[in-house]
C-alpha cells in the first residue's frame, strides 16, 4: 500500500471559526474508504499563525503514521466483525455469554459509533468513573471494565491501534466495604439434602465433598469414577464442551469412598416426574457404559443445564428451609462453604 501523502491544508475562516479540511481513512464493514473531513481549530479571533500551529498538532499523528488506518474502524463494527467471530470463540461459553451481555447493555450504548482511535485513556476513565452512580455491585463494574479492556487489547493485537487505552483505568471507590459471603453449616446441609430430588441431591453431595465445578460434574463419565478417586477430563456448560478450566483442574483427585458409593447408588434409583395429572417414572441412569454420563437429564439422558438444576431444584429446596441465598457450592456465594466441605 502506498504511503499516504503528507497533508498541510491552509486554515480558513468559516463564520466565526478557523477550520481545515483533510483526507482520512475509515473502515466500514472491513472496507477502507477515504473520506474528506472537517476539523474546527478554534475561534476566528485567534491569529492565523496560531491556527497553523493547532493544525500541525492535529495532523501530526496522521502525517507521522502514528494513527493506523484500521483505527478508523467504528467500535461497533470491530466488535461485530472481529471480536465476536474471532476472539470470543477462544473463550468458555459462560465467559462469552457474559462478555456479550456486558457489551450489549453497557459498552455498545456508550461507544458504538466511536472510532477505535477516539477511545482514549481519558475517554475510558471518564466512562468508568461515571459508573460511580450506577446501581451495580463493584464486581459488575470491574467486569464491564475488563470486557472493554479485552476488546481494545485484541484491537492492539491485530494492529488496529497502538495501545490499549483501558490499561491503568481505575474503578470508582466502592460505596461499602467488602461483605463476608454467607456459608452453609454442616447441620444446614444435612437438612437441605433430603429436600432436593435425585439425581440432583447426589450432584450436590458430590460437589460439596469433592470441590468439583458444576460444569465438571455435568461432564463426568462413568470411566472417570474410580474406586476412591474421580478423574476430571472435560467440562460442559450450556451446550459447550471443553477442557477443564485450568491445567490443575485436569487431574485425578482422591475422594471418600462414601462419595463413590453414592454415585453408584444412582443406578438403582427411579425418578418420578409429573406430566400433567400423570406421573412418569425414569431410571436416574439410563446407560452406564464407560463413555456414558454419570448425571443424565431425566427424560432424555442428555447433558444437564446447571441453571435449570439450580432454579428448579436447589433454590426451591433451600427456600423451603429458610436459606434463600444458596447457590452451587462452587460459585461465589458458596466460597466459604467450599473451604469447609472437607470437614463436614
Protein backbone atom coordinates (compact mmCIF):
# COMPACT_ATOMS: atom_id res chain seq x y z
CA UNK A 1 0.00 0.00 0.00
CA UNK A 2 1.38 3.38 -0.98
CA UNK A 3 2.37 5.77 1.71
CA UNK A 4 -0.23 8.44 2.34
CA UNK A 5 0.64 11.96 1.22
CA UNK A 6 1.80 14.46 3.85
CA UNK A 7 -1.05 16.87 4.49
CA UNK A 8 -0.75 20.54 5.35
CA UNK A 9 -4.03 22.23 4.42
CA UNK A 10 -4.22 26.01 4.86
CA UNK A 11 -6.57 27.07 7.68
CA UNK A 12 -9.51 29.14 6.52
CA UNK A 13 -12.23 31.09 8.23
CA UNK A 14 -15.80 29.85 8.10
CA UNK A 15 -18.13 32.10 10.01
CA UNK A 16 -16.63 32.66 13.45
CA UNK A 17 -14.17 29.71 13.30
CA UNK A 18 -10.87 28.61 11.80
CA UNK A 19 -11.29 25.22 10.07
CA UNK A 20 -9.26 22.79 7.95
CA UNK A 21 -10.29 20.03 5.56
CA UNK A 22 -8.14 16.90 5.27
CA UNK A 23 -8.34 13.33 3.98
CA UNK A 24 -8.61 10.38 6.33
CA UNK A 25 -9.34 6.66 6.11
CA UNK A 26 -12.41 4.96 7.51
CA UNK A 27 -13.05 1.24 7.77
CA UNK A 28 -16.70 0.38 7.15
CA UNK A 29 -17.59 -3.32 7.35
CA UNK A 30 -13.97 -4.23 6.68
CA UNK A 31 -13.56 -1.94 3.64
CA UNK A 32 -11.19 1.01 3.51
CA UNK A 33 -12.83 4.24 2.40
CA UNK A 34 -11.04 7.58 2.02
CA UNK A 35 -13.13 10.49 3.25
CA UNK A 36 -12.69 14.22 3.41
CA UNK A 37 -13.11 15.52 6.93
CA UNK A 38 -13.57 18.92 8.54
CA UNK A 39 -11.91 19.95 11.79
CA UNK A 40 -12.54 23.13 13.78
CA UNK A 41 -9.28 24.68 15.02
CA UNK A 42 -10.69 27.47 17.15
CA UNK A 43 -12.42 30.86 17.12
CA UNK A 44 -11.79 33.29 14.29
CA UNK A 45 -10.41 35.77 16.82
CA UNK A 46 -7.11 33.86 17.06
CA UNK A 47 -4.28 34.65 14.65
CA UNK A 48 -3.51 32.65 11.52
CA UNK A 49 -0.11 31.52 12.87
CA UNK A 50 -1.80 30.13 15.98
CA UNK A 51 -4.33 28.29 13.79
CA UNK A 52 -1.45 26.78 11.77
CA UNK A 53 0.22 25.53 14.95
CA UNK A 54 -3.00 23.84 16.05
CA UNK A 55 -3.37 22.33 12.55
CA UNK A 56 0.13 20.84 12.72
CA UNK A 57 -0.61 19.31 16.13
CA UNK A 58 -3.95 17.88 14.97
CA UNK A 59 -2.46 16.27 11.84
CA UNK A 60 0.87 15.22 13.39
CA UNK A 61 -0.25 11.64 14.32
CA UNK A 62 -1.73 11.17 10.84
CA UNK A 63 1.31 12.56 8.99
CA UNK A 64 3.80 10.57 11.08
CA UNK A 65 1.91 7.31 10.68
CA UNK A 66 1.11 7.11 14.39
CA UNK A 67 -2.56 6.56 13.57
CA UNK A 68 -3.22 3.20 11.94
CA UNK A 69 -5.69 3.06 9.06
CA UNK A 70 -7.71 0.41 10.87
CA UNK A 71 -8.06 2.65 13.90
CA UNK A 72 -10.81 4.47 11.99
CA UNK A 73 -12.95 1.36 12.39
CA UNK A 74 -16.04 2.03 14.46
CA UNK A 75 -16.17 0.30 17.83
CA UNK A 76 -19.41 -1.49 16.97
CA UNK A 77 -18.10 -2.66 13.58
CA UNK A 78 -14.95 -4.03 15.18
CA UNK A 79 -16.87 -5.99 17.82
CA UNK A 80 -19.31 -7.44 15.27
CA UNK A 81 -16.80 -8.28 12.52
CA UNK A 82 -13.69 -9.19 14.52
CA UNK A 83 -14.15 -9.56 18.27
CA UNK A 84 -17.36 -11.62 18.19
CA UNK A 85 -16.40 -14.09 15.39
CA UNK A 86 -12.62 -14.27 16.00
CA UNK A 87 -11.85 -13.60 19.69
CA UNK A 88 -14.94 -14.84 21.57
CA UNK A 89 -14.75 -18.45 20.26
CA UNK A 90 -11.44 -18.83 22.14
CA UNK A 91 -13.28 -18.33 25.46
CA UNK A 92 -15.52 -20.61 27.51
CA UNK A 93 -19.25 -20.46 26.75
CA UNK A 94 -20.15 -18.84 30.08
CA UNK A 95 -17.43 -16.21 29.58
CA UNK A 96 -18.63 -15.48 26.04
CA UNK A 97 -22.23 -15.08 27.18
CA UNK A 98 -21.38 -12.67 29.97
CA UNK A 99 -18.98 -10.65 27.81
CA UNK A 100 -21.61 -10.11 25.12
CA UNK A 101 -24.22 -9.26 27.75
CA UNK A 102 -21.89 -6.57 29.10
CA UNK A 103 -21.25 -5.30 25.57
CA UNK A 104 -24.92 -5.10 24.60
CA UNK A 105 -26.08 -3.47 27.85
CA UNK A 106 -23.23 -1.09 28.68
CA UNK A 107 -20.48 -0.76 26.05
CA UNK A 108 -22.48 -0.62 22.84
CA UNK A 109 -24.69 2.28 24.01
CA UNK A 110 -21.59 4.22 25.06
CA UNK A 111 -19.10 3.54 22.24
CA UNK A 112 -20.96 2.06 19.23
CA UNK A 113 -20.35 4.95 16.81
CA UNK A 114 -16.90 5.91 18.10
CA UNK A 115 -13.74 5.12 16.11
CA UNK A 116 -11.26 2.91 17.92
CA UNK A 117 -8.62 5.65 17.81
CA UNK A 118 -11.00 8.07 19.53
CA UNK A 119 -11.32 5.85 22.59
CA UNK A 120 -8.52 7.50 24.58
CA UNK A 121 -7.41 6.80 28.17
CA UNK A 122 -9.36 9.91 29.23
CA UNK A 123 -12.50 8.71 27.41
CA UNK A 124 -12.21 5.29 29.04
CA UNK A 125 -11.58 6.74 32.50
CA UNK A 126 -14.50 9.17 32.15
CA UNK A 127 -16.80 6.25 31.26
CA UNK A 128 -15.58 4.08 34.16
CA UNK A 129 -15.68 6.97 36.63
CA UNK A 130 -19.29 7.55 35.61
CA UNK A 131 -20.14 4.12 36.98
CA UNK A 132 -19.84 5.57 40.48
CA UNK A 133 -23.53 6.49 40.31
CA UNK A 134 -24.67 3.18 38.81
CA UNK A 135 -26.63 0.81 41.00
CA UNK A 136 -24.24 -2.09 40.35
CA UNK A 137 -22.03 -4.21 42.55
CA UNK A 138 -18.30 -3.47 42.43
CA UNK A 139 -17.70 -6.87 40.83
CA UNK A 140 -20.07 -5.97 37.98
CA UNK A 141 -18.31 -2.66 37.39
CA UNK A 142 -14.99 -4.48 37.33
CA UNK A 143 -16.38 -6.90 34.73
CA UNK A 144 -17.52 -4.03 32.49
CA UNK A 145 -14.04 -2.54 32.60
CA UNK A 146 -12.47 -5.95 31.90
CA UNK A 147 -14.64 -6.58 28.84
CA UNK A 148 -13.83 -3.14 27.43
CA UNK A 149 -10.14 -3.80 28.06
CA UNK A 150 -10.39 -7.22 26.38
CA UNK A 151 -11.93 -5.68 23.25
CA UNK A 152 -9.30 -2.95 22.99
CA UNK A 153 -6.46 -5.35 23.81
CA UNK A 154 -7.48 -7.53 20.87
CA UNK A 155 -7.51 -4.42 18.65
CA UNK A 156 -3.89 -3.85 19.70
CA UNK A 157 -3.04 -7.48 18.89
CA UNK A 158 -4.47 -7.09 15.38
CA UNK A 159 -2.57 -3.81 14.82
CA UNK A 160 -5.64 -1.58 14.56
CA UNK A 161 -4.49 0.66 17.42
CA UNK A 162 -1.12 1.17 19.05
CA UNK A 163 -2.04 0.92 22.74
CA UNK A 164 -4.88 -0.27 24.93
CA UNK A 165 -6.46 2.89 26.40
CA UNK A 166 -8.14 0.93 29.22
CA UNK A 167 -4.84 -0.11 30.82
CA UNK A 168 -4.43 1.81 34.05
CA UNK A 169 -8.07 2.90 34.19
CA UNK A 170 -9.23 2.88 37.82
CA UNK A 171 -12.62 1.90 39.17
CA UNK A 172 -14.54 4.38 41.34
CA UNK A 173 -14.22 3.69 45.05
CA UNK A 174 -16.77 1.17 46.33
CA UNK A 175 -19.67 2.60 48.32
CA UNK A 176 -19.35 -0.05 51.02
CA UNK A 177 -16.72 -2.43 52.31
CA UNK A 178 -16.29 -6.00 51.20
CA UNK A 179 -19.07 -8.13 52.63
CA UNK A 180 -18.48 -11.53 54.15
CA UNK A 181 -20.05 -14.15 51.95
CA UNK A 182 -22.52 -16.49 53.67
CA UNK A 183 -21.78 -20.17 54.04
CA UNK A 184 -23.90 -23.14 54.93
CA UNK A 185 -23.15 -25.15 58.06
CA UNK A 186 -22.95 -28.93 58.11
CA UNK A 187 -26.23 -29.03 60.03
CA UNK A 188 -27.93 -26.89 57.39
CA UNK A 189 -26.50 -29.05 54.61
CA UNK A 190 -27.81 -32.21 56.27
CA UNK A 191 -31.22 -30.51 56.48
CA UNK A 192 -31.12 -29.31 52.86
CA UNK A 193 -30.12 -32.54 51.11
CA UNK A 194 -33.36 -34.50 51.71
CA UNK A 195 -35.36 -31.64 50.17
CA UNK A 196 -33.50 -31.96 46.86
CA UNK A 197 -34.71 -34.67 44.47
CA UNK A 198 -32.43 -37.21 42.83
CA UNK A 199 -30.21 -37.21 40.87
CA UNK A 200 -29.65 -33.56 41.83
CA UNK A 201 -29.16 -34.36 45.51
CA UNK A 202 -26.27 -36.65 44.58
CA UNK A 203 -24.81 -33.96 42.33
CA UNK A 204 -24.91 -31.51 45.23
CA UNK A 205 -23.38 -34.10 47.56
CA UNK A 206 -20.52 -34.82 45.16
CA UNK A 207 -19.91 -31.12 44.52
CA UNK A 208 -19.60 -30.41 48.23
CA UNK A 209 -17.30 -33.31 49.09
CA UNK A 210 -15.03 -33.06 46.04
CA UNK A 211 -14.99 -29.34 45.15
CA UNK A 212 -15.81 -30.12 41.50
CA UNK A 213 -17.25 -27.27 39.49
CA UNK A 214 -20.78 -27.82 38.24
CA UNK A 215 -19.52 -27.86 34.63
CA UNK A 216 -17.13 -30.69 35.59
CA UNK A 217 -19.92 -32.59 37.34
CA UNK A 218 -22.17 -32.42 34.30
CA UNK A 219 -19.37 -33.71 32.05
CA UNK A 220 -18.39 -36.57 34.38
CA UNK A 221 -18.46 -40.00 32.70
CA UNK A 222 -18.54 -43.45 34.29
CA UNK A 223 -14.96 -44.14 33.22
CA UNK A 224 -13.94 -41.16 35.35
CA UNK A 225 -15.27 -42.72 38.57
CA UNK A 226 -12.69 -44.96 40.27
CA UNK A 227 -12.81 -46.94 43.49
CA UNK A 228 -11.64 -44.00 45.58
CA UNK A 229 -10.94 -41.28 43.04
CA UNK A 230 -12.52 -39.13 40.34
CA UNK A 231 -10.76 -38.04 37.15
CA UNK A 232 -11.64 -34.68 35.61
CA UNK A 233 -11.20 -34.73 31.84
CA UNK A 234 -13.66 -32.21 30.41
CA UNK A 235 -16.35 -29.71 31.21
CA UNK A 236 -19.80 -28.91 29.83
CA UNK A 237 -21.62 -25.60 30.11
CA UNK A 238 -24.90 -24.83 28.33
CA UNK A 239 -24.14 -26.54 25.05
CA UNK A 240 -20.39 -26.04 25.10
CA UNK A 241 -17.90 -28.89 25.66
CA UNK A 242 -14.32 -28.08 26.54
CA UNK A 243 -11.25 -28.87 28.58
CA UNK A 244 -11.25 -28.18 32.34
CA UNK A 245 -10.95 -24.52 33.28
CA UNK A 246 -7.30 -24.78 34.36
CA UNK A 247 -4.38 -27.18 33.96
CA UNK A 248 -4.57 -28.01 37.67
CA UNK A 249 -8.24 -28.99 37.28
CA UNK A 250 -7.37 -31.62 34.66
CA UNK A 251 -6.41 -34.22 37.25
CA UNK A 252 -7.37 -37.30 39.22
CA UNK A 253 -8.43 -36.41 42.76
CA UNK A 254 -8.83 -38.76 45.75
CA UNK A 255 -12.34 -38.91 47.22
CA UNK A 256 -14.01 -40.62 50.14
CA UNK A 257 -15.49 -44.00 49.20
CA UNK A 258 -18.85 -42.83 50.52
CA UNK A 259 -18.94 -40.37 47.61
CA UNK A 260 -18.25 -43.11 45.06
CA UNK A 261 -20.87 -45.38 46.67
CA UNK A 262 -23.46 -42.61 46.48
CA UNK A 263 -22.70 -42.11 42.79
CA UNK A 264 -23.15 -45.83 42.02
CA UNK A 265 -26.37 -45.88 44.02
CA UNK A 266 -27.94 -43.78 41.25
CA UNK A 267 -28.05 -46.90 39.05
CA UNK A 268 -30.77 -48.38 41.25
CA UNK A 269 -32.87 -45.21 41.58
CA UNK A 270 -36.10 -44.46 39.73
CA UNK A 271 -37.12 -40.83 39.38
CA UNK A 272 -40.77 -39.74 39.25
CA UNK A 273 -41.71 -36.78 37.06
CA UNK A 274 -45.12 -35.16 36.91
CA UNK A 275 -46.63 -34.90 33.42
CA UNK A 276 -49.97 -33.11 33.80
CA UNK A 277 -52.05 -35.36 36.04
CA UNK A 278 -49.94 -38.39 35.31
CA UNK A 279 -46.63 -39.40 36.87
CA UNK A 280 -43.88 -40.81 34.68
CA UNK A 281 -41.03 -42.90 36.00
CA UNK A 282 -37.49 -42.81 34.61
CA UNK A 283 -34.28 -44.52 35.59
CA UNK A 284 -31.84 -42.00 37.05
CA UNK A 285 -29.13 -43.70 34.98
CA UNK A 286 -30.33 -44.78 31.54
CA UNK A 287 -26.95 -46.21 30.49
CA UNK A 288 -23.71 -46.73 32.42
CA UNK A 289 -21.11 -47.58 29.81
CA UNK A 290 -17.62 -46.07 30.17
CA UNK A 291 -18.47 -43.14 27.92
CA UNK A 292 -21.97 -42.51 29.30
CA UNK A 293 -22.59 -39.51 31.53
CA UNK A 294 -22.92 -40.10 35.27
CA UNK A 295 -25.50 -37.34 35.68
CA UNK A 296 -28.01 -37.54 32.84
CA UNK A 297 -31.10 -35.47 32.18
CA UNK A 298 -34.05 -37.47 33.48
CA UNK A 299 -36.20 -37.58 30.32
CA UNK A 300 -33.59 -37.89 27.56
CA UNK A 301 -30.31 -38.87 29.19
CA UNK A 302 -28.66 -35.76 27.68
CA UNK A 303 -26.22 -33.35 29.40
CA UNK A 304 -27.86 -31.19 32.04
CA UNK A 305 -28.02 -27.39 32.32
CA UNK A 306 -26.61 -26.02 35.57
CA UNK A 307 -29.02 -23.06 35.72
CA UNK A 308 -32.07 -25.32 35.33
CA UNK A 309 -30.93 -27.54 38.22
CA UNK A 310 -30.28 -24.51 40.39
CA UNK A 311 -33.57 -22.72 39.71
CA UNK A 312 -35.88 -25.74 39.61
CA UNK A 313 -34.44 -27.92 42.37
CA UNK A 314 -31.71 -26.48 44.61
CA UNK A 315 -33.09 -22.98 45.25
CA UNK A 316 -36.69 -24.12 45.94
CA UNK A 317 -35.36 -26.66 48.44
CA UNK A 318 -33.17 -24.02 50.07
CA UNK A 319 -36.07 -21.54 50.27
CA UNK A 320 -38.16 -24.21 51.98
CA UNK A 321 -35.70 -24.38 54.88
CA UNK A 322 -35.02 -20.63 55.04
CA UNK A 323 -31.76 -20.36 53.06
CA UNK A 324 -32.67 -18.11 50.08
CA UNK A 325 -29.04 -17.27 49.22
CA UNK A 326 -27.96 -20.85 48.47
CA UNK A 327 -26.16 -21.36 45.16
CA UNK A 328 -23.98 -24.05 43.63
CA UNK A 329 -21.21 -24.87 46.17
CA UNK A 330 -18.50 -23.91 43.69
CA UNK A 331 -19.97 -20.48 42.97
CA UNK A 332 -19.01 -17.19 44.58
CA UNK A 333 -21.65 -17.14 47.29
CA UNK A 334 -20.53 -20.57 48.44
CA UNK A 335 -16.80 -19.90 48.58
CA UNK A 336 -16.56 -20.31 52.35
CA UNK A 337 -18.63 -23.47 52.24
CA UNK A 338 -16.28 -24.97 49.67
CA UNK A 339 -13.37 -24.39 52.01
CA UNK A 340 -15.20 -26.15 54.85
CA UNK A 341 -16.57 -29.04 52.82
CA UNK A 342 -13.72 -31.37 53.75
CA UNK A 343 -14.65 -31.01 57.43
CA UNK A 344 -18.32 -31.96 57.02
